Protein backbone atom coordinates (compact mmCIF):
# COMPACT_ATOMS: atom_id res chain seq x y z
CA MET A 1 0.00 0.00 0.00
CA SER A 2 1.22 3.46 -0.81
CA ALA A 3 1.96 5.96 1.97
CA THR A 4 0.56 8.65 -0.34
CA GLN A 5 -2.94 7.26 0.12
CA PRO A 6 -4.98 8.97 2.84
CA LEU A 7 -5.10 7.39 6.28
CA THR A 8 -8.49 6.85 7.93
CA ALA A 9 -8.97 6.06 11.60
CA LEU A 10 -12.09 4.18 12.64
CA VAL A 11 -12.70 5.49 16.16
CA ASN A 12 -15.30 5.42 18.93
CA GLY A 13 -16.21 1.80 18.32
CA ARG A 14 -15.97 -1.49 20.17
CA VAL A 15 -13.42 -3.40 18.15
CA MET A 16 -13.55 -7.19 17.84
CA ALA A 17 -9.87 -7.93 18.34
CA ASP A 18 -8.41 -11.43 18.42
CA HIS A 19 -9.10 -11.78 22.16
CA GLY A 20 -12.54 -10.17 22.23
CA LEU A 21 -14.15 -6.75 22.21
CA ARG A 22 -11.89 -3.82 23.04
CA ASP A 23 -12.72 -0.20 23.74
CA GLY A 24 -10.36 2.70 23.20
CA LEU A 25 -8.84 1.46 19.96
CA ALA A 26 -8.53 3.02 16.53
CA VAL A 27 -8.29 0.94 13.38
CA LEU A 28 -6.08 2.67 10.82
CA VAL A 29 -6.98 2.02 7.18
CA ARG A 30 -4.89 3.03 4.20
CA GLY A 31 -6.16 2.04 0.78
CA GLU A 32 -7.71 -1.42 0.93
CA ARG A 33 -5.71 -2.67 3.92
CA ILE A 34 -5.59 -2.29 7.67
CA GLU A 35 -2.38 -0.46 8.48
CA ALA A 36 -2.50 -0.80 12.27
CA VAL A 37 -4.70 -1.13 15.32
CA VAL A 38 -3.58 1.43 17.91
CA PRO A 39 -4.81 3.23 21.03
CA ALA A 40 -7.30 5.87 19.95
CA ASP A 41 -5.07 8.75 21.05
CA ASP A 42 -2.30 7.52 18.75
CA ALA A 43 -4.57 7.96 15.74
CA LEU A 44 -4.48 11.72 16.28
CA VAL A 45 -0.70 11.64 16.31
CA ALA A 46 -0.72 9.71 13.03
CA GLY A 47 -2.73 12.49 11.41
CA ALA A 48 -5.49 10.16 10.29
CA LYS A 49 -8.92 11.39 9.26
CA PRO A 50 -11.35 10.11 11.91
CA HIS A 51 -14.41 8.05 11.02
CA ASP A 52 -16.80 7.99 14.00
CA LEU A 53 -18.40 4.60 14.65
CA ARG A 54 -20.77 6.11 17.25
CA GLY A 55 -20.09 3.45 19.86
CA ARG A 56 -21.12 0.58 17.63
CA LEU A 57 -19.56 -2.85 17.22
CA LEU A 58 -16.76 -3.16 14.66
CA LEU A 59 -16.55 -6.78 13.55
CA PRO A 60 -14.51 -8.38 10.79
CA GLY A 61 -16.61 -8.59 7.64
CA PHE A 62 -18.59 -11.81 7.37
CA VAL A 63 -17.48 -14.59 5.01
CA ASP A 64 -20.26 -16.87 3.76
CA VAL A 65 -19.28 -20.03 1.88
CA GLN A 66 -22.82 -20.96 0.79
CA VAL A 67 -24.99 -18.33 -0.93
CA ASN A 68 -27.50 -19.49 -3.53
CA GLY A 69 -29.11 -16.13 -4.04
CA GLY A 70 -30.23 -12.79 -2.65
CA GLY A 71 -31.87 -9.57 -3.69
CA GLY A 72 -34.51 -11.51 -5.60
CA LEU A 73 -31.83 -13.24 -7.70
CA LEU A 74 -30.97 -16.94 -7.93
CA PHE A 75 -27.55 -17.94 -9.26
CA ASN A 76 -28.96 -21.05 -11.00
CA ALA A 77 -31.57 -19.01 -12.83
CA ALA A 78 -29.05 -16.68 -14.46
CA PRO A 79 -25.36 -17.56 -13.97
CA THR A 80 -24.00 -14.16 -15.06
CA VAL A 81 -21.78 -11.42 -13.70
CA GLU A 82 -24.85 -9.19 -13.30
CA THR A 83 -26.52 -11.80 -11.10
CA LEU A 84 -23.39 -12.16 -8.99
CA ARG A 85 -23.15 -8.41 -8.55
CA GLY A 86 -26.77 -8.24 -7.39
CA ILE A 87 -26.43 -11.15 -4.97
CA ALA A 88 -23.27 -9.71 -3.43
CA GLU A 89 -24.91 -6.28 -3.10
CA ALA A 90 -27.90 -7.81 -1.31
CA HIS A 91 -25.75 -9.64 1.22
CA ARG A 92 -23.47 -6.66 1.78
CA LYS A 93 -26.44 -4.97 3.47
CA PHE A 94 -26.08 -7.59 6.21
CA GLY A 95 -22.31 -7.33 6.74
CA THR A 96 -21.16 -10.00 4.29
CA THR A 97 -17.92 -8.85 2.68
CA GLY A 98 -16.90 -12.12 1.05
CA LEU A 99 -18.99 -14.99 -0.30
CA LEU A 100 -19.04 -18.05 -2.48
CA PRO A 101 -22.02 -17.88 -4.85
CA THR A 102 -23.44 -21.37 -4.78
CA LEU A 103 -24.82 -23.30 -7.72
CA ILE A 104 -27.02 -26.20 -6.75
CA THR A 105 -27.41 -29.25 -9.00
CA ASP A 106 -27.95 -28.26 -12.62
CA THR A 107 -26.95 -29.26 -16.14
CA ALA A 108 -23.34 -29.36 -17.27
CA GLU A 109 -23.96 -26.30 -19.43
CA VAL A 110 -25.21 -24.23 -16.49
CA MET A 111 -22.34 -25.43 -14.31
CA HIS A 112 -19.76 -24.38 -16.89
CA ALA A 113 -21.51 -21.02 -17.35
CA ALA A 114 -21.43 -20.47 -13.59
CA LEU A 115 -17.72 -21.20 -13.40
CA ASP A 116 -17.05 -18.75 -16.23
CA ALA A 117 -19.28 -16.07 -14.65
CA VAL A 118 -17.40 -16.21 -11.37
CA ASP A 119 -14.08 -15.98 -13.19
CA ALA A 120 -15.33 -12.90 -15.03
CA ALA A 121 -16.76 -11.32 -11.88
CA ILE A 122 -13.45 -11.66 -10.04
CA GLU A 123 -11.56 -10.31 -13.05
CA GLN A 124 -13.91 -7.31 -13.10
CA GLY A 125 -13.46 -6.75 -9.37
CA VAL A 126 -17.06 -7.33 -8.29
CA PRO A 127 -16.91 -6.62 -4.54
CA GLY A 128 -17.32 -9.65 -2.31
CA ILE A 129 -16.99 -12.50 -4.83
CA LEU A 130 -14.33 -14.92 -3.55
CA GLY A 131 -14.98 -17.91 -5.83
CA ILE A 132 -17.70 -20.47 -6.36
CA HIS A 133 -19.37 -23.30 -4.46
CA LEU A 134 -20.77 -26.12 -6.59
CA GLU A 135 -23.32 -28.00 -4.50
CA GLY A 136 -23.82 -30.95 -6.79
CA PRO A 137 -24.48 -32.60 -9.18
CA PHE A 138 -22.49 -35.53 -7.77
CA LEU A 139 -24.95 -36.20 -4.96
CA ALA A 140 -27.04 -39.09 -3.57
CA PRO A 141 -30.70 -39.45 -4.57
CA ALA A 142 -31.56 -40.77 -1.11
CA ARG A 143 -30.50 -37.44 0.43
CA LYS A 144 -31.46 -35.10 -2.37
CA GLY A 145 -33.31 -32.47 -0.34
CA ILE A 146 -34.65 -29.86 -2.78
CA HIS A 147 -32.15 -30.82 -5.51
CA ASN A 148 -33.38 -32.28 -8.80
CA ALA A 149 -32.21 -35.89 -8.64
CA ASP A 150 -32.83 -36.31 -12.38
CA LEU A 151 -29.72 -34.17 -12.89
CA PHE A 152 -27.49 -36.14 -10.54
CA ARG A 153 -24.57 -37.88 -12.19
CA VAL A 154 -21.06 -39.11 -11.58
CA PRO A 155 -18.23 -36.86 -12.81
CA ASP A 156 -17.14 -37.47 -16.38
CA THR A 157 -14.06 -36.30 -18.28
CA ALA A 158 -15.63 -32.95 -19.24
CA ASP A 159 -16.67 -32.26 -15.64
CA LEU A 160 -13.18 -32.97 -14.37
CA ALA A 161 -11.60 -30.80 -17.03
CA ALA A 162 -13.81 -27.87 -16.00
CA LEU A 163 -13.13 -28.39 -12.31
CA LEU A 164 -9.39 -28.88 -12.69
CA ALA A 165 -8.88 -25.84 -14.94
CA ARG A 166 -7.05 -22.90 -13.40
CA ARG A 167 -9.62 -20.54 -11.90
CA ARG A 168 -9.68 -17.13 -10.32
CA GLY A 169 -10.74 -17.47 -6.73
CA VAL A 170 -11.76 -20.46 -4.65
CA VAL A 171 -13.59 -23.52 -5.99
CA MET A 172 -15.55 -25.52 -3.41
CA MET A 173 -17.32 -28.73 -4.43
CA THR A 174 -20.01 -30.49 -2.39
CA LEU A 175 -20.34 -34.15 -3.32
CA ALA A 176 -21.58 -37.43 -1.93
CA PRO A 177 -18.43 -39.48 -1.26
CA GLU A 178 -20.17 -42.77 -2.09
CA ARG A 179 -20.88 -41.41 -5.59
CA VAL A 180 -17.36 -40.30 -6.48
CA PRO A 181 -14.23 -42.50 -6.64
CA LEU A 182 -11.60 -41.77 -4.01
CA ASP A 183 -9.04 -41.23 -6.75
CA THR A 184 -11.23 -38.46 -8.18
CA ILE A 185 -11.55 -36.81 -4.75
CA HIS A 186 -7.79 -36.92 -4.39
CA GLN A 187 -7.33 -35.53 -7.90
CA LEU A 188 -9.66 -32.61 -7.15
CA THR A 189 -8.04 -31.72 -3.84
CA ALA A 190 -4.56 -32.00 -5.33
CA ALA A 191 -5.64 -29.38 -7.89
CA GLY A 192 -6.76 -27.02 -5.13
CA VAL A 193 -10.51 -27.71 -5.18
CA ILE A 194 -11.99 -27.63 -1.67
CA VAL A 195 -14.01 -30.86 -1.54
CA VAL A 196 -16.75 -31.19 1.05
CA ALA A 197 -19.30 -33.91 1.77
CA GLY A 198 -23.02 -33.27 1.62
CA HIS A 199 -26.33 -34.64 0.37
CA THR A 200 -24.92 -38.06 1.08
CA ALA A 201 -26.18 -41.44 2.27
CA ALA A 202 -22.67 -42.70 3.03
CA ASP A 203 -21.81 -44.74 6.09
CA TYR A 204 -19.03 -43.86 8.52
CA ALA A 205 -16.34 -45.99 6.84
CA THR A 206 -16.98 -44.46 3.42
CA THR A 207 -16.95 -40.95 4.86
CA ARG A 208 -13.76 -41.65 6.80
CA ALA A 209 -12.07 -42.87 3.62
CA ALA A 210 -13.18 -39.71 1.82
CA LEU A 211 -11.71 -37.56 4.59
CA ASP A 212 -8.44 -39.43 4.20
CA ALA A 213 -8.60 -38.79 0.44
CA GLY A 214 -8.91 -35.03 0.95
CA VAL A 215 -12.48 -34.08 1.91
CA SER A 216 -12.07 -31.02 4.13
CA GLY A 217 -15.52 -30.52 5.59
CA PHE A 218 -19.27 -30.95 5.55
CA THR A 219 -22.04 -28.92 3.93
CA HIS A 220 -24.87 -27.86 6.30
CA LEU A 221 -24.10 -30.41 9.01
CA TYR A 222 -27.04 -32.65 10.03
CA ASN A 223 -29.11 -31.75 6.96
CA ALA A 224 -29.24 -34.18 4.01
CA MET A 225 -26.80 -36.72 5.46
CA THR A 226 -26.87 -39.96 7.45
CA PRO A 227 -27.31 -39.22 11.15
CA LEU A 228 -25.28 -40.27 14.15
CA GLY A 229 -26.53 -43.61 15.42
CA SER A 230 -25.62 -45.91 18.29
CA ARG A 231 -24.11 -48.61 16.05
CA GLU A 232 -23.50 -46.72 12.79
CA PRO A 233 -21.94 -43.27 13.34
CA GLY A 234 -22.88 -42.17 9.82
CA VAL A 235 -21.74 -38.98 8.16
CA VAL A 236 -22.61 -36.86 11.20
CA GLY A 237 -20.54 -39.12 13.42
CA ALA A 238 -17.57 -38.90 11.04
CA ALA A 239 -17.89 -35.12 10.97
CA LEU A 240 -17.98 -34.74 14.73
CA ASP A 241 -15.24 -37.31 15.29
CA ASP A 242 -12.75 -35.81 12.86
CA PRO A 243 -10.61 -33.05 14.44
CA HIS A 244 -9.39 -31.51 11.19
CA SER A 245 -12.52 -30.95 9.09
CA TRP A 246 -14.82 -27.94 9.04
CA CYS A 247 -18.60 -28.08 9.46
CA GLY A 248 -21.00 -25.56 7.97
CA LEU A 249 -23.97 -24.78 10.22
CA ILE A 250 -27.23 -23.08 9.21
CA VAL A 251 -28.28 -21.23 12.37
CA ASP A 252 -31.76 -20.06 11.42
CA GLY A 253 -33.79 -21.90 14.07
CA HIS A 254 -35.33 -24.17 11.44
CA HIS A 255 -32.63 -26.34 9.86
CA VAL A 256 -31.05 -27.52 13.12
CA ASN A 257 -32.25 -27.52 16.72
CA SER A 258 -30.22 -25.29 19.04
CA VAL A 259 -29.28 -28.26 21.24
CA SER A 260 -27.87 -30.12 18.23
CA LEU A 261 -25.94 -26.99 17.29
CA ARG A 262 -24.42 -26.77 20.77
CA VAL A 263 -23.46 -30.44 20.64
CA ALA A 264 -21.73 -30.02 17.28
CA ILE A 265 -19.87 -26.86 18.27
CA ALA A 266 -18.74 -28.48 21.52
CA ALA A 267 -17.61 -31.65 19.73
CA LYS A 268 -15.62 -29.92 17.01
CA ALA A 269 -12.16 -28.51 17.59
CA ARG A 270 -12.18 -24.76 18.08
CA GLY A 271 -12.13 -23.03 14.73
CA LYS A 272 -13.89 -25.79 12.82
CA SER A 273 -17.52 -24.71 13.18
CA VAL A 274 -18.56 -22.23 10.48
CA LEU A 275 -21.71 -20.17 10.14
CA VAL A 276 -23.32 -20.38 6.69
CA THR A 277 -26.62 -19.05 5.39
CA ASP A 278 -27.54 -21.29 2.42
CA ALA A 279 -29.37 -18.10 1.43
CA MET A 280 -31.98 -17.89 -1.30
CA PRO A 281 -33.41 -14.90 -3.26
CA PRO A 282 -35.68 -13.55 -0.47
CA VAL A 283 -32.64 -12.30 1.48
CA GLY A 284 -32.48 -8.57 0.84
CA SER A 285 -35.67 -8.64 -1.23
CA ASP A 286 -39.30 -7.72 -0.60
CA ASP A 287 -40.43 -10.72 -2.65
CA PRO A 288 -40.71 -13.88 -0.50
CA SER A 289 -41.09 -16.23 -3.48
CA TYR A 290 -38.77 -17.65 -6.13
CA VAL A 291 -38.78 -20.47 -8.66
CA LEU A 292 -36.44 -23.42 -8.26
CA ASN A 293 -36.50 -26.56 -10.41
CA GLY A 294 -39.74 -25.35 -11.94
CA GLU A 295 -41.65 -25.02 -8.66
CA THR A 296 -42.43 -21.95 -6.60
CA ILE A 297 -40.73 -21.70 -3.22
CA THR A 298 -42.02 -19.24 -0.64
CA ALA A 299 -40.39 -17.92 2.51
CA ARG A 300 -42.86 -17.85 5.40
CA ASP A 301 -41.80 -16.98 8.94
CA GLY A 302 -38.18 -17.23 7.81
CA ILE A 303 -38.59 -20.75 6.36
CA CYS A 304 -38.10 -21.44 2.63
CA GLN A 305 -40.17 -24.49 1.66
CA ASN A 306 -41.93 -25.98 -1.31
CA ASP A 307 -45.59 -27.04 -1.17
CA HIS A 308 -44.56 -30.41 0.31
CA GLY A 309 -42.67 -28.86 3.22
CA VAL A 310 -39.19 -29.61 1.87
CA LEU A 311 -36.64 -27.02 2.97
CA ALA A 312 -35.22 -25.09 0.02
CA GLY A 313 -32.29 -23.13 1.33
CA SER A 314 -32.93 -20.35 3.82
CA ALA A 315 -33.97 -16.73 4.26
CA LEU A 316 -31.04 -16.20 6.64
CA ASP A 317 -28.45 -13.43 6.47
CA MET A 318 -25.11 -13.53 8.27
CA ALA A 319 -25.88 -10.76 10.78
CA THR A 320 -29.01 -12.60 11.88
CA GLY A 321 -27.01 -15.82 12.02
CA VAL A 322 -24.50 -14.21 14.39
CA ARG A 323 -27.36 -12.92 16.54
CA ASN A 324 -28.91 -16.40 16.60
CA LEU A 325 -25.61 -17.95 17.65
CA VAL A 326 -25.47 -15.56 20.60
CA GLU A 327 -29.11 -15.41 21.64
CA MET A 328 -30.45 -18.84 20.59
CA VAL A 329 -27.42 -21.12 20.91
CA GLY A 330 -25.59 -19.30 23.71
CA ILE A 331 -22.27 -18.77 21.95
CA PRO A 332 -20.27 -15.76 23.23
CA LEU A 333 -20.15 -12.91 20.72
CA PRO A 334 -16.38 -13.12 20.09
CA GLU A 335 -16.69 -16.80 19.12
CA ALA A 336 -19.85 -16.18 17.08
CA SER A 337 -17.96 -13.46 15.22
CA ARG A 338 -15.09 -15.83 14.48
CA MET A 339 -17.54 -18.45 13.19
CA ALA A 340 -18.74 -15.85 10.70
CA SER A 341 -15.35 -14.48 9.66
CA ALA A 342 -12.02 -15.95 10.75
CA TYR A 343 -13.06 -19.60 10.58
CA PRO A 344 -14.65 -19.56 7.12
CA ALA A 345 -11.67 -17.53 5.86
CA ALA A 346 -9.37 -20.27 7.14
CA TRP A 347 -11.50 -22.96 5.48
CA LEU A 348 -11.04 -21.15 2.17
CA GLY A 349 -7.30 -20.72 2.71
CA LEU A 350 -7.72 -16.94 2.91
CA GLU A 351 -6.83 -16.45 6.57
CA ARG A 352 -3.91 -14.16 5.72
CA GLN A 353 -6.24 -11.77 3.92
CA LEU A 354 -9.65 -11.98 5.58
CA GLY A 355 -11.44 -12.58 8.85
CA ARG A 356 -9.55 -10.55 11.46
CA ILE A 357 -8.99 -6.94 12.43
CA VAL A 358 -5.19 -6.87 12.39
CA ALA A 359 -2.51 -5.09 10.38
CA GLY A 360 -2.12 -6.36 6.82
CA GLN A 361 -5.61 -7.78 6.41
CA ARG A 362 -8.07 -6.42 3.88
CA ALA A 363 -10.15 -3.65 5.45
CA ASP A 364 -13.43 -5.56 5.49
CA PHE A 365 -15.73 -4.64 8.36
CA ALA A 366 -19.30 -4.95 9.56
CA VAL A 367 -20.48 -2.12 11.80
CA LEU A 368 -23.42 -3.24 13.93
CA ASP A 369 -25.49 -1.91 16.80
CA ASP A 370 -26.33 -3.98 19.87
CA GLY A 371 -29.39 -5.38 18.10
CA PHE A 372 -27.13 -6.83 15.38
CA VAL A 373 -28.44 -4.41 12.79
CA VAL A 374 -25.73 -3.56 10.25
CA HIS A 375 -25.18 0.18 9.74
CA GLU A 376 -22.03 0.14 7.61
CA THR A 377 -20.18 -2.45 5.55
CA TRP A 378 -16.60 -1.90 4.42
CA ILE A 379 -15.03 -3.92 1.61
CA GLY A 380 -11.40 -3.29 0.74
CA GLY A 381 -11.34 -0.02 2.68
CA LYS A 382 -14.45 1.33 0.96
CA PRO A 383 -17.39 2.00 3.28
CA ARG A 384 -21.08 1.90 2.46
CA VAL A 385 -23.84 3.06 4.75
CA GLU A 386 -26.52 0.35 4.95
CA ARG A 387 -28.95 1.97 7.40
């Protein structure tokens, strides 16, 4: 960063530092990076232009690894740069500064278009786009959820070529380990693809073998996977038993009971439980309905379901997810903040750039009041007033 760029000091806030909330600090921002975190009085000495946070919370910007849509837009419906821009804008209102737009099971043509759109969006500098999450199509019919099982398949040569090609940003792939050869999982992870297990009917042994082959985590733990049983630990048992893998958790009060959430967070090593939204178009939109796989889905009381009661993603945003972790699950705010920022950044291999308020990181922040309402979102040192 150039010293000729102006220096801004974020002051009069409660800063979420590595060891919890701190008063009396100033966060110095130059260009797109955090230059330093100093006592507030030192910011005056540095000659920085003050930016008054009005006593609000200053948290690292939220990183969401599973975003299907927002702002009335669904990635599957139109896999274009314009769609990605609109989705990212919608989630920015709720403190999300980095996300993986998520394509659920679709045709090969749509999958390839989605990969190309994300490449183009990153090249064009669309704020917040970190890569892509492909949730399918290599999934198990027995645990299909809202996915169209008619489009499920095993990876062929063309699929592998698309996935193994050099890409801008992160590529995450959710698959059912019983549907994909271990050699293919290893090939994907060796090429840098983040492979995670989800929508799977695998048993414990199959899941354990997939972890050994390179699977790094689990998509929306508990949902659409074999449960923990007394004699067969299943996918959930493998996830909770493994100390190295990450687990995505949808904390909306509908996908997973709060007791089950506490059990999972307690069982996992610290840093391995990650807040995700699995968000759909109603987030950031006045329209509660959208079309998926040819059927209308409607969000009612925060629940996205089809006419048969099948969950179809969520109407959750990250700020509400953090609030739910604190108020519904009982997680202390500093840890809830890390689950929404530092931990997902580490899962994506971006921990040196994102997720903490320390010198050298990108200046991505969520400014919230005590009711977890987002008032400002900063991406790369550029603020936007949300409310």
